[in-house]
PDB file of N, CA and C in Angstrom:
ATOM      1  N   MET A   1     104.336  92.716  78.186  1.00  0.00           N
ATOM      2  CA  MET A   1     103.528  92.392  79.345  1.00  0.00           C
ATOM      3  C   MET A   1     102.666  93.610  79.698  1.00  0.00           C
ATOM      4  N   LYS A   2     101.376  93.386  79.857  1.00  0.00           N
ATOM      5  CA  LYS A   2     100.463  94.474  80.182  1.00  0.00           C
ATOM      6  C   LYS A   2     100.686  94.938  81.614  1.00  0.00           C
ATOM      7  N   SER A   3     100.514  96.245  81.805  1.00  0.00           N
ATOM      8  CA  SER A   3     100.603  96.740  83.175  1.00  0.00           C
ATOM      9  C   SER A   3      99.283  96.481  83.886  1.00  0.00           C
ATOM     10  N   LYS A   4      99.355  96.273  85.178  1.00  0.00           N
ATOM     11  CA  LYS A   4      98.174  95.982  85.978  1.00  0.00           C
ATOM     12  C   LYS A   4      97.500  97.286  86.392  1.00  0.00           C
ATOM     13  N   PRO A   5      96.152  97.285  86.480  1.00  0.00           N
ATOM     14  CA  PRO A   5      95.475  98.458  87.020  1.00  0.00           C
ATOM     15  C   PRO A   5      95.950  98.699  88.452  1.00  0.00           C
ATOM     16  N   LYS A   6      96.177  99.979  88.797  1.00  0.00           N
ATOM     17  CA  LYS A   6      96.653 100.263  90.143  1.00  0.00           C
ATOM     18  C   LYS A   6      96.274 101.670  90.557  1.00  0.00           C
ATOM     19  N   VAL A   7      96.359 101.905  91.847  1.00  0.00           N
ATOM     20  CA  VAL A   7      96.139 103.225  92.414  1.00  0.00           C
ATOM     21  C   VAL A   7      97.194 103.427  93.498  1.00  0.00           C
ATOM     22  N   LYS A   8      97.671 104.668  93.606  1.00  0.00           N
ATOM     23  CA  LYS A   8      98.636 105.007  94.657  1.00  0.00           C
ATOM     24  C   LYS A   8      97.965 105.968  95.622  1.00  0.00           C
ATOM     25  N   LYS A   9      98.125 105.716  96.902  1.00  0.00           N
ATOM     26  CA  LYS A   9      97.605 106.584  97.953  1.00  0.00           C
ATOM     27  C   LYS A   9      98.751 106.986  98.860  1.00  0.00           C
ATOM     28  N   ARG A  10      98.731 108.247  99.277  1.00  0.00           N
ATOM     29  CA  ARG A  10      99.755 108.707 100.215  1.00  0.00           C
ATOM     30  C   ARG A  10      99.372 108.284 101.624  1.00  0.00           C
ATOM     31  N   GLY A  11     100.379 108.113 102.440  1.00  0.00           N
ATOM     32  CA  GLY A  11     100.165 107.763 103.833  1.00  0.00           C
ATOM     33  C   GLY A  11     101.317 108.262 104.676  1.00  0.00           C
ATOM     34  N   ILE A  12     101.182 108.039 105.973  1.00  0.00           N
ATOM     35  CA  ILE A  12     102.243 108.420 106.909  1.00  0.00           C
ATOM     36  C   ILE A  12     102.355 107.339 107.969  1.00  0.00           C
ATOM     37  N   VAL A  13     103.570 107.044 108.362  1.00  0.00           N
ATOM     38  CA  VAL A  13     103.789 106.053 109.411  1.00  0.00           C
ATOM     39  C   VAL A  13     103.423 106.719 110.740  1.00  0.00           C
ATOM     40  N   GLU A  14     102.304 106.282 111.315  1.00  0.00           N
ATOM     41  CA  GLU A  14     101.844 106.865 112.579  1.00  0.00           C
ATOM     42  C   GLU A  14     102.685 106.405 113.756  1.00  0.00           C
ATOM     43  N   LYS A  15     102.964 105.098 113.772  1.00  0.00           N
ATOM     44  CA  LYS A  15     103.789 104.589 114.863  1.00  0.00           C
ATOM     45  C   LYS A  15     104.448 103.285 114.471  1.00  0.00           C
ATOM     46  N   VAL A  16     105.539 103.003 115.161  1.00  0.00           N
ATOM     47  CA  VAL A  16     106.252 101.737 115.027  1.00  0.00           C
ATOM     48  C   VAL A  16     105.935 100.943 116.284  1.00  0.00           C
ATOM     49  N   ILE A  17     105.448  99.719 116.081  1.00  0.00           N
ATOM     50  CA  ILE A  17     104.969  98.890 117.193  1.00  0.00           C
ATOM     51  C   ILE A  17     105.963  97.765 117.456  1.00  0.00           C
ATOM     52  N   PRO A  18     106.520  97.732 118.676  1.00  0.00           N
ATOM     53  CA  PRO A  18     107.457  96.652 118.996  1.00  0.00           C
ATOM     54  C   PRO A  18     106.742  95.302 118.985  1.00  0.00           C
ATOM     55  N   PRO A  19     107.462  94.238 118.709  1.00  0.00           N
ATOM     56  CA  PRO A  19     106.833  92.915 118.694  1.00  0.00           C
ATOM     57  C   PRO A  19     106.385  92.499 120.095  1.00  0.00           C
ATOM     58  N   VAL A  20     105.288  91.732 120.142  1.00  0.00           N
ATOM     59  CA  VAL A  20     104.810  91.228 121.439  1.00  0.00           C
ATOM     60  C   VAL A  20     105.661  90.058 121.921  1.00  0.00           C
ATOM     61  N   HIS A  21     106.396  89.466 121.010  1.00  0.00           N
ATOM     62  CA  HIS A  21     107.301  88.357 121.345  1.00  0.00           C
ATOM     63  C   HIS A  21     108.563  88.533 120.496  1.00  0.00           C
ATOM     64  N   PRO A  22     109.731  88.234 121.050  1.00  0.00           N
ATOM     65  CA  PRO A  22     110.983  88.442 120.302  1.00  0.00           C
ATOM     66  C   PRO A  22     111.056  87.725 118.950  1.00  0.00           C
ATOM     67  N   SER A  23     110.299  86.644 118.779  1.00  0.00           N
ATOM     68  CA  SER A  23     110.348  85.913 117.511  1.00  0.00           C
ATOM     69  C   SER A  23     109.455  86.538 116.437  1.00  0.00           C
ATOM     70  N   LEU A  24     108.652  87.532 116.816  1.00  0.00           N
ATOM     71  CA  LEU A  24     107.745  88.182 115.869  1.00  0.00           C
ATOM     72  C   LEU A  24     108.352  89.486 115.354  1.00  0.00           C
ATOM     73  N   PRO A  25     107.928  89.917 114.150  1.00  0.00           N
ATOM     74  CA  PRO A  25     108.497  91.150 113.589  1.00  0.00           C
ATOM     75  C   PRO A  25     107.879  92.409 114.182  1.00  0.00           C
ATOM     76  N   GLU A  26     108.631  93.478 114.142  1.00  0.00           N
ATOM     77  CA  GLU A  26     108.133  94.802 114.482  1.00  0.00           C
ATOM     78  C   GLU A  26     107.111  95.200 113.413  1.00  0.00           C
ATOM     79  N   LYS A  27     106.111  96.003 113.785  1.00  0.00           N
ATOM     80  CA  LYS A  27     105.074  96.441 112.849  1.00  0.00           C
ATOM     81  C   LYS A  27     105.144  97.947 112.647  1.00  0.00           C
ATOM     82  N   ALA A  28     104.718  98.396 111.476  1.00  0.00           N
ATOM     83  CA  ALA A  28     104.567  99.820 111.191  1.00  0.00           C
ATOM     84  C   ALA A  28     103.084 100.066 110.945  1.00  0.00           C
ATOM     85  N   GLN A  29     102.509 101.018 111.666  1.00  0.00           N
ATOM     86  CA  GLN A  29     101.109 101.390 111.456  1.00  0.00           C
ATOM     87  C   GLN A  29     101.087 102.592 110.530  1.00  0.00           C
ATOM     88  N   ILE A  30     100.398 102.431 109.396  1.00  0.00           N
ATOM     89  CA  ILE A  30     100.353 103.462 108.371  1.00  0.00           C
ATOM     90  C   ILE A  30      98.936 103.991 108.235  1.00  0.00           C
ATOM     91  N   ALA A  31      98.783 105.312 108.292  1.00  0.00           N
ATOM     92  CA  ALA A  31      97.496 105.957 108.049  1.00  0.00           C
ATOM     93  C   ALA A  31      97.449 106.325 106.567  1.00  0.00           C
ATOM     94  N   VAL A  32      96.464 105.789 105.860  1.00  0.00           N
ATOM     95  CA  VAL A  32      96.321 106.011 104.430  1.00  0.00           C
ATOM     96  C   VAL A  32      95.388 107.204 104.194  1.00  0.00           C
ATOM     97  N   GLU A  33      95.896 108.223 103.493  1.00  0.00           N
ATOM     98  CA  GLU A  33      95.073 109.388 103.173  1.00  0.00           C
ATOM     99  C   GLU A  33      93.935 108.972 102.245  1.00  0.00           C
ATOM    100  N   ASP A  34      92.825 109.650 102.331  1.00  0.00           N
ATOM    101  CA  ASP A  34      91.650 109.426 101.485  1.00  0.00           C
ATOM    102  C   ASP A  34      90.931 108.109 101.766  1.00  0.00           C
ATOM    103  N   ALA A  35      91.316 107.375 102.787  1.00  0.00           N
ATOM    104  CA  ALA A  35      90.604 106.147 103.148  1.00  0.00           C
ATOM    105  C   ALA A  35      89.481 106.507 104.124  1.00  0.00           C
ATOM    106  N   ASP A  36      88.458 105.649 104.198  1.00  0.00           N
ATOM    107  CA  ASP A  36      87.384 105.867 105.168  1.00  0.00           C
ATOM    108  C   ASP A  36      87.969 105.926 106.566  1.00  0.00           C
ATOM    109  N   HIS A  37      87.391 106.779 107.392  1.00  0.00           N
ATOM    110  CA  HIS A  37      87.917 107.036 108.735  1.00  0.00           C
ATOM    111  C   HIS A  37      88.179 105.756 109.539  1.00  0.00           C
ATOM    112  N   LEU A  38      87.238 104.837 109.564  1.00  0.00           N
ATOM    113  CA  LEU A  38      87.397 103.620 110.378  1.00  0.00           C
ATOM    114  C   LEU A  38      88.366 102.607 109.777  1.00  0.00           C
ATOM    115  N   TYR A  39      88.779 102.822 108.538  1.00  0.00           N
ATOM    116  CA  TYR A  39      89.621 101.830 107.849  1.00  0.00           C
ATOM    117  C   TYR A  39      90.931 102.412 107.347  1.00  0.00           C
ATOM    118  N   ARG A  40      91.329 103.530 107.869  1.00  0.00           N
ATOM    119  CA  ARG A  40      92.492 104.198 107.297  1.00  0.00           C
ATOM    120  C   ARG A  40      93.832 103.648 107.772  1.00  0.00           C
ATOM    121  N   GLU A  41      93.872 102.957 108.909  1.00  0.00           N
ATOM    122  CA  GLU A  41      95.153 102.426 109.394  1.00  0.00           C
ATOM    123  C   GLU A  41      95.366 100.987 108.938  1.00  0.00           C
ATOM    124  N   ILE A  42      96.569 100.743 108.455  1.00  0.00           N
ATOM    125  CA  ILE A  42      96.979  99.369 108.158  1.00  0.00           C
ATOM    126  C   ILE A  42      98.274  99.105 108.913  1.00  0.00           C
ATOM    127  N   ARG A  43      98.506  97.850 109.232  1.00  0.00           N
ATOM    128  CA  ARG A  43      99.756  97.458 109.903  1.00  0.00           C
ATOM    129  C   ARG A  43     100.463  96.429 109.056  1.00  0.00           C
ATOM    130  N   ILE A  44     101.742  96.668 108.871  1.00  0.00           N
ATOM    131  CA  ILE A  44     102.568  95.771 108.067  1.00  0.00           C
ATOM    132  C   ILE A  44     103.841  95.453 108.838  1.00  0.00           C
ATOM    133  N   ASP A  45     104.496  94.355 108.452  1.00  0.00           N
ATOM    134  CA  ASP A  45     105.818  94.089 109.012  1.00  0.00           C
ATOM    135  C   ASP A  45     106.721  95.257 108.632  1.00  0.00           C
ATOM    136  N   ASN A  46     107.480  95.740 109.572  1.00  0.00           N
ATOM    137  CA  ASN A  46     108.346  96.888 109.318  1.00  0.00           C
ATOM    138  C   ASN A  46     109.677  96.421 108.752  1.00  0.00           C
ATOM    139  N   THR A  47     109.606  95.794 107.589  1.00  0.00           N
ATOM    140  CA  THR A  47     110.794  95.300 106.895  1.00  0.00           C
ATOM    141  C   THR A  47     110.680  95.664 105.429  1.00  0.00           C
ATOM    142  N   LEU A  48     111.585  96.469 104.944  1.00  0.00           N
ATOM    143  CA  LEU A  48     111.642  96.837 103.539  1.00  0.00           C
ATOM    144  C   LEU A  48     113.012  96.441 103.016  1.00  0.00           C
ATOM    145  N   GLU A  49     113.140  96.443 101.705  1.00  0.00           N
ATOM    146  CA  GLU A  49     114.406  96.071 101.090  1.00  0.00           C
ATOM    147  C   GLU A  49     114.756  97.090 100.017  1.00  0.00           C
ATOM    148  N   THR A  50     115.989  97.575 100.032  1.00  0.00           N
ATOM    149  CA  THR A  50     116.447  98.511  99.011  1.00  0.00           C
ATOM    150  C   THR A  50     116.713  97.758  97.713  1.00  0.00           C
ATOM    151  N   GLU A  51     116.958  98.505  96.640  1.00  0.00           N
ATOM    152  CA  GLU A  51     117.234  97.880  95.340  1.00  0.00           C
ATOM    153  C   GLU A  51     118.439  96.950  95.381  1.00  0.00           C
ATOM    154  N   ASP A  52     119.411  97.257  96.241  1.00  0.00           N
ATOM    155  CA  ASP A  52     120.602  96.396  96.322  1.00  0.00           C
ATOM    156  C   ASP A  52     120.479  95.301  97.383  1.00  0.00           C
ATOM    157  N   GLY A  53     119.244  95.105  97.927  1.00  0.00           N
ATOM    158  CA  GLY A  53     119.001  93.993  98.841  1.00  0.00           C
ATOM    159  C   GLY A  53     119.222  94.283 100.308  1.00  0.00           C
ATOM    160  N   LYS A  54     119.561  95.515 100.648  1.00  0.00           N
ATOM    161  CA  LYS A  54     119.798  95.871 102.042  1.00  0.00           C
ATOM    162  C   LYS A  54     118.462  95.994 102.792  1.00  0.00           C
ATOM    163  N   LYS A  55     118.378  95.412 103.980  1.00  0.00           N
ATOM    164  CA  LYS A  55     117.171  95.476 104.809  1.00  0.00           C
ATOM    165  C   LYS A  55     117.125  96.818 105.535  1.00  0.00           C
ATOM    166  N   VAL A  56     115.966  97.470 105.477  1.00  0.00           N
ATOM    167  CA  VAL A  56     115.749  98.736 106.168  1.00  0.00           C
ATOM    168  C   VAL A  56     114.369  98.712 106.807  1.00  0.00           C
ATOM    169  N   LYS A  57     114.068  99.713 107.660  1.00  0.00           N
ATOM    170  CA  LYS A  57     112.735  99.800 108.253  1.00  0.00           C
ATOM    171  C   LYS A  57     112.275 101.245 108.271  1.00  0.00           C
ATOM    172  N   LEU A  58     110.971 101.418 108.367  1.00  0.00           N
ATOM    173  CA  LEU A  58     110.365 102.746 108.362  1.00  0.00           C
ATOM    174  C   LEU A  58     110.520 103.428 109.710  1.00  0.00           C
ATOM    175  N   LYS A  59     110.596 104.769 109.669  1.00  0.00           N
ATOM    176  CA  LYS A  59     110.639 105.577 110.885  1.00  0.00           C
ATOM    177  C   LYS A  59     109.256 106.191 111.092  1.00  0.00           C
ATOM    178  N   GLU A  60     108.929 106.505 112.349  1.00  0.00           N
ATOM    179  CA  GLU A  60     107.672 107.187 112.643  1.00  0.00           C
ATOM    180  C   GLU A  60     107.635 108.520 111.901  1.00  0.00           C
ATOM    181  N   GLN A  61     106.449 108.882 111.437  1.00  0.00           N
ATOM    182  CA  GLN A  61     106.165 110.115 110.692  1.00  0.00           C
ATOM    183  C   GLN A  61     106.733 110.115 109.274  1.00  0.00           C
ATOM    184  N   ALA A  62     107.255 108.980 108.817  1.00  0.00           N
ATOM    185  CA  ALA A  62     107.776 108.908 107.453  1.00  0.00           C
ATOM    186  C   ALA A  62     106.619 108.939 106.453  1.00  0.00           C
ATOM    187  N   PRO A  63     106.720 109.765 105.405  1.00  0.00           N
ATOM    188  CA  PRO A  63     105.706 109.730 104.350  1.00  0.00           C
ATOM    189  C   PRO A  63     105.931 108.484 103.486  1.00  0.00           C
ATOM    190  N   VAL A  64     104.849 107.821 103.100  1.00  0.00           N
ATOM    191  CA  VAL A  64     104.935 106.603 102.295  1.00  0.00           C
ATOM    192  C   VAL A  64     103.881 106.632 101.200  1.00  0.00           C
ATOM    193  N   GLU A  65     104.000 105.761 100.225  1.00  0.00           N
ATOM    194  CA  GLU A  65     102.987 105.526  99.209  1.00  0.00           C
ATOM    195  C   GLU A  65     102.507 104.099  99.362  1.00  0.00           C
ATOM    196  N   VAL A  66     101.180 103.930  99.344  1.00  0.00           N
ATOM    197  CA  VAL A  66     100.575 102.603  99.381  1.00  0.00           C
ATOM    198  C   VAL A  66     100.044 102.342  97.978  1.00  0.00           C
ATOM    199  N   VAL A  67     100.464 101.241  97.371  1.00  0.00           N
ATOM    200  CA  VAL A  67     100.057 100.914  96.007  1.00  0.00           C
ATOM    201  C   VAL A  67      99.141  99.691  96.047  1.00  0.00           C
ATOM    202  N   ILE A  68      97.943  99.850  95.451  1.00  0.00           N
ATOM    203  CA  ILE A  68      97.003  98.740  95.309  1.00  0.00           C
ATOM    204  C   ILE A  68      97.033  98.359  93.843  1.00  0.00           C
ATOM    205  N   GLU A  69      97.330  97.089  93.571  1.00  0.00           N
ATOM    206  CA  GLU A  69      97.495  96.625  92.198  1.00  0.00           C
ATOM    207  C   GLU A  69      96.742  95.316  92.036  1.00  0.00           C
ATOM    208  N   ALA A  70      96.078  95.127  90.875  1.00  0.00           N
ATOM    209  CA  ALA A  70      95.297  93.912  90.636  1.00  0.00           C
ATOM    210  C   ALA A  70      95.524  93.417  89.212  1.00  0.00           C
ATOM    211  N   ASP A  71      95.331  92.125  89.019  1.00  0.00           N
ATOM    212  CA  ASP A  71      95.374  91.572  87.668  1.00  0.00           C
ATOM    213  C   ASP A  71      94.193  92.129  86.885  1.00  0.00           C
ATOM    214  N   GLN A  72      94.354  92.281  85.590  1.00  0.00           N
ATOM    215  CA  GLN A  72      93.307  92.825  84.730  1.00  0.00           C
ATOM    216  C   GLN A  72      92.009  92.025  84.864  1.00  0.00           C
ATOM    217  N   ASP A  73      92.103  90.687  84.948  1.00  0.00           N
ATOM    218  CA  ASP A  73      90.882  89.871  85.035  1.00  0.00           C
ATOM    219  C   ASP A  73      90.218  89.927  86.413  1.00  0.00           C
ATOM    220  N   SER A  74      90.796  90.657  87.351  1.00  0.00           N
ATOM    221  CA  SER A  74      90.198  90.837  88.674  1.00  0.00           C
ATOM    222  C   SER A  74      89.481  92.179  88.801  1.00  0.00           C
ATOM    223  N   THR A  75      89.301  92.877  87.678  1.00  0.00           N
ATOM    224  CA  THR A  75      88.663  94.192  87.695  1.00  0.00           C
ATOM    225  C   THR A  75      87.513  94.243  86.695  1.00  0.00           C
ATOM    226  N   VAL A  76      86.614  95.212  86.882  1.00  0.00           N
ATOM    227  CA  VAL A  76      85.525  95.482  85.939  1.00  0.00           C
ATOM    228  C   VAL A  76      85.503  96.983  85.676  1.00  0.00           C
ATOM    229  N   PRO A  77      84.994  97.399  84.538  1.00  0.00           N
ATOM    230  CA  PRO A  77      84.900  98.841  84.283  1.00  0.00           C
ATOM    231  C   PRO A  77      84.008  99.523  85.316  1.00  0.00           C
ATOM    232  N   GLN A  78      84.338 100.760  85.670  1.00  0.00           N
ATOM    233  CA  GLN A  78      83.498 101.494  86.609  1.00  0.00           C
ATOM    234  C   GLN A  78      82.119 101.657  86.002  1.00  0.00           C
ATOM    235  N   GLY A  79      81.096 101.628  86.874  1.00  0.00           N
ATOM    236  CA  GLY A  79      79.726 101.781  86.402  1.00  0.00           C
ATOM    237  C   GLY A  79      79.004 100.455  86.274  1.00  0.00           C
ATOM    238  N   LYS A  80      79.729  99.342  86.312  1.00  0.00           N
ATOM    239  CA  LYS A  80      79.081  98.030  86.275  1.00  0.00           C
ATOM    240  C   LYS A  80      78.422  97.771  87.620  1.00  0.00           C
ATOM    241  N   SER A  81      77.268  97.136  87.590  1.00  0.00           N
ATOM    242  CA  SER A  81      76.561  96.836  88.836  1.00  0.00           C
ATOM    243  C   SER A  81      77.073  95.540  89.438  1.00  0.00           C
ATOM    244  N   LYS A  82      76.697  95.301  90.702  1.00  0.00           N
ATOM    245  CA  LYS A  82      77.109  94.063  91.383  1.00  0.00           C
ATOM    246  C   LYS A  82      76.587  92.845  90.641  1.00  0.00           C
ATOM    247  N   SER A  83      75.367  92.897  90.129  1.00  0.00           N
ATOM    248  CA  SER A  83      74.804  91.734  89.442  1.00  0.00           C
ATOM    249  C   SER A  83      75.566  91.422  88.155  1.00  0.00           C
ATOM    250  N   ASP A  84      76.065  92.457  87.468  1.00  0.00           N
ATOM    251  CA  ASP A  84      76.885  92.225  86.280  1.00  0.00           C
ATOM    252  C   ASP A  84      78.176  91.513  86.634  1.00  0.00           C
ATOM    253  N   ARG A  85      78.791  91.902  87.770  1.00  0.00           N
ATOM    254  CA  ARG A  85      80.037  91.267  88.195  1.00  0.00           C
ATOM    255  C   ARG A  85      79.786  89.811  88.591  1.00  0.00           C
ATOM    256  N   ALA A  86      78.677  89.536  89.275  1.00  0.00           N
ATOM    257  CA  ALA A  86      78.375  88.184  89.743  1.00  0.00           C
ATOM    258  C   ALA A  86      78.149  87.230  88.573  1.00  0.00           C
ATOM    259  N   CYS A  87      77.617  87.748  87.453  1.00  0.00           N
ATOM    260  CA  CYS A  87      77.350  86.910  86.290  1.00  0.00           C
ATOM    261  C   CYS A  87      78.572  86.711  85.416  1.00  0.00           C
ATOM    262  N   GLY A  88      79.647  87.418  85.758  1.00  0.00           N
ATOM    263  CA  GLY A  88      80.862  87.289  84.976  1.00  0.00           C
ATOM    264  C   GLY A  88      80.833  88.117  83.711  1.00  0.00           C
ATOM    265  N   SER A  89      79.944  89.088  83.611  1.00  0.00           N
ATOM    266  CA  SER A  89      79.840  89.953  82.431  1.00  0.00           C
ATOM    267  C   SER A  89      80.930  90.977  82.399  1.00  0.00           C
TER     268      SER A  89
END
């Protein structure tokens, strides 16, 4: 099986946000290093799972890695123009 193209970015958990309603999950706000200033924060459900299936959550100021991964057919070589991508080249 081919590996998917991916990039890893470092980040830090800026804050843990309590749910606005008890039925909703707690959120973790993560600042992604090297991201554009206005787009560097992402929020995710603060629920992770260990290898043995145990549920855990992130703490504030925890260092994290954000992994962006895509299928091979969802990428184009760098240097291709937008018009090349639109034509399916």
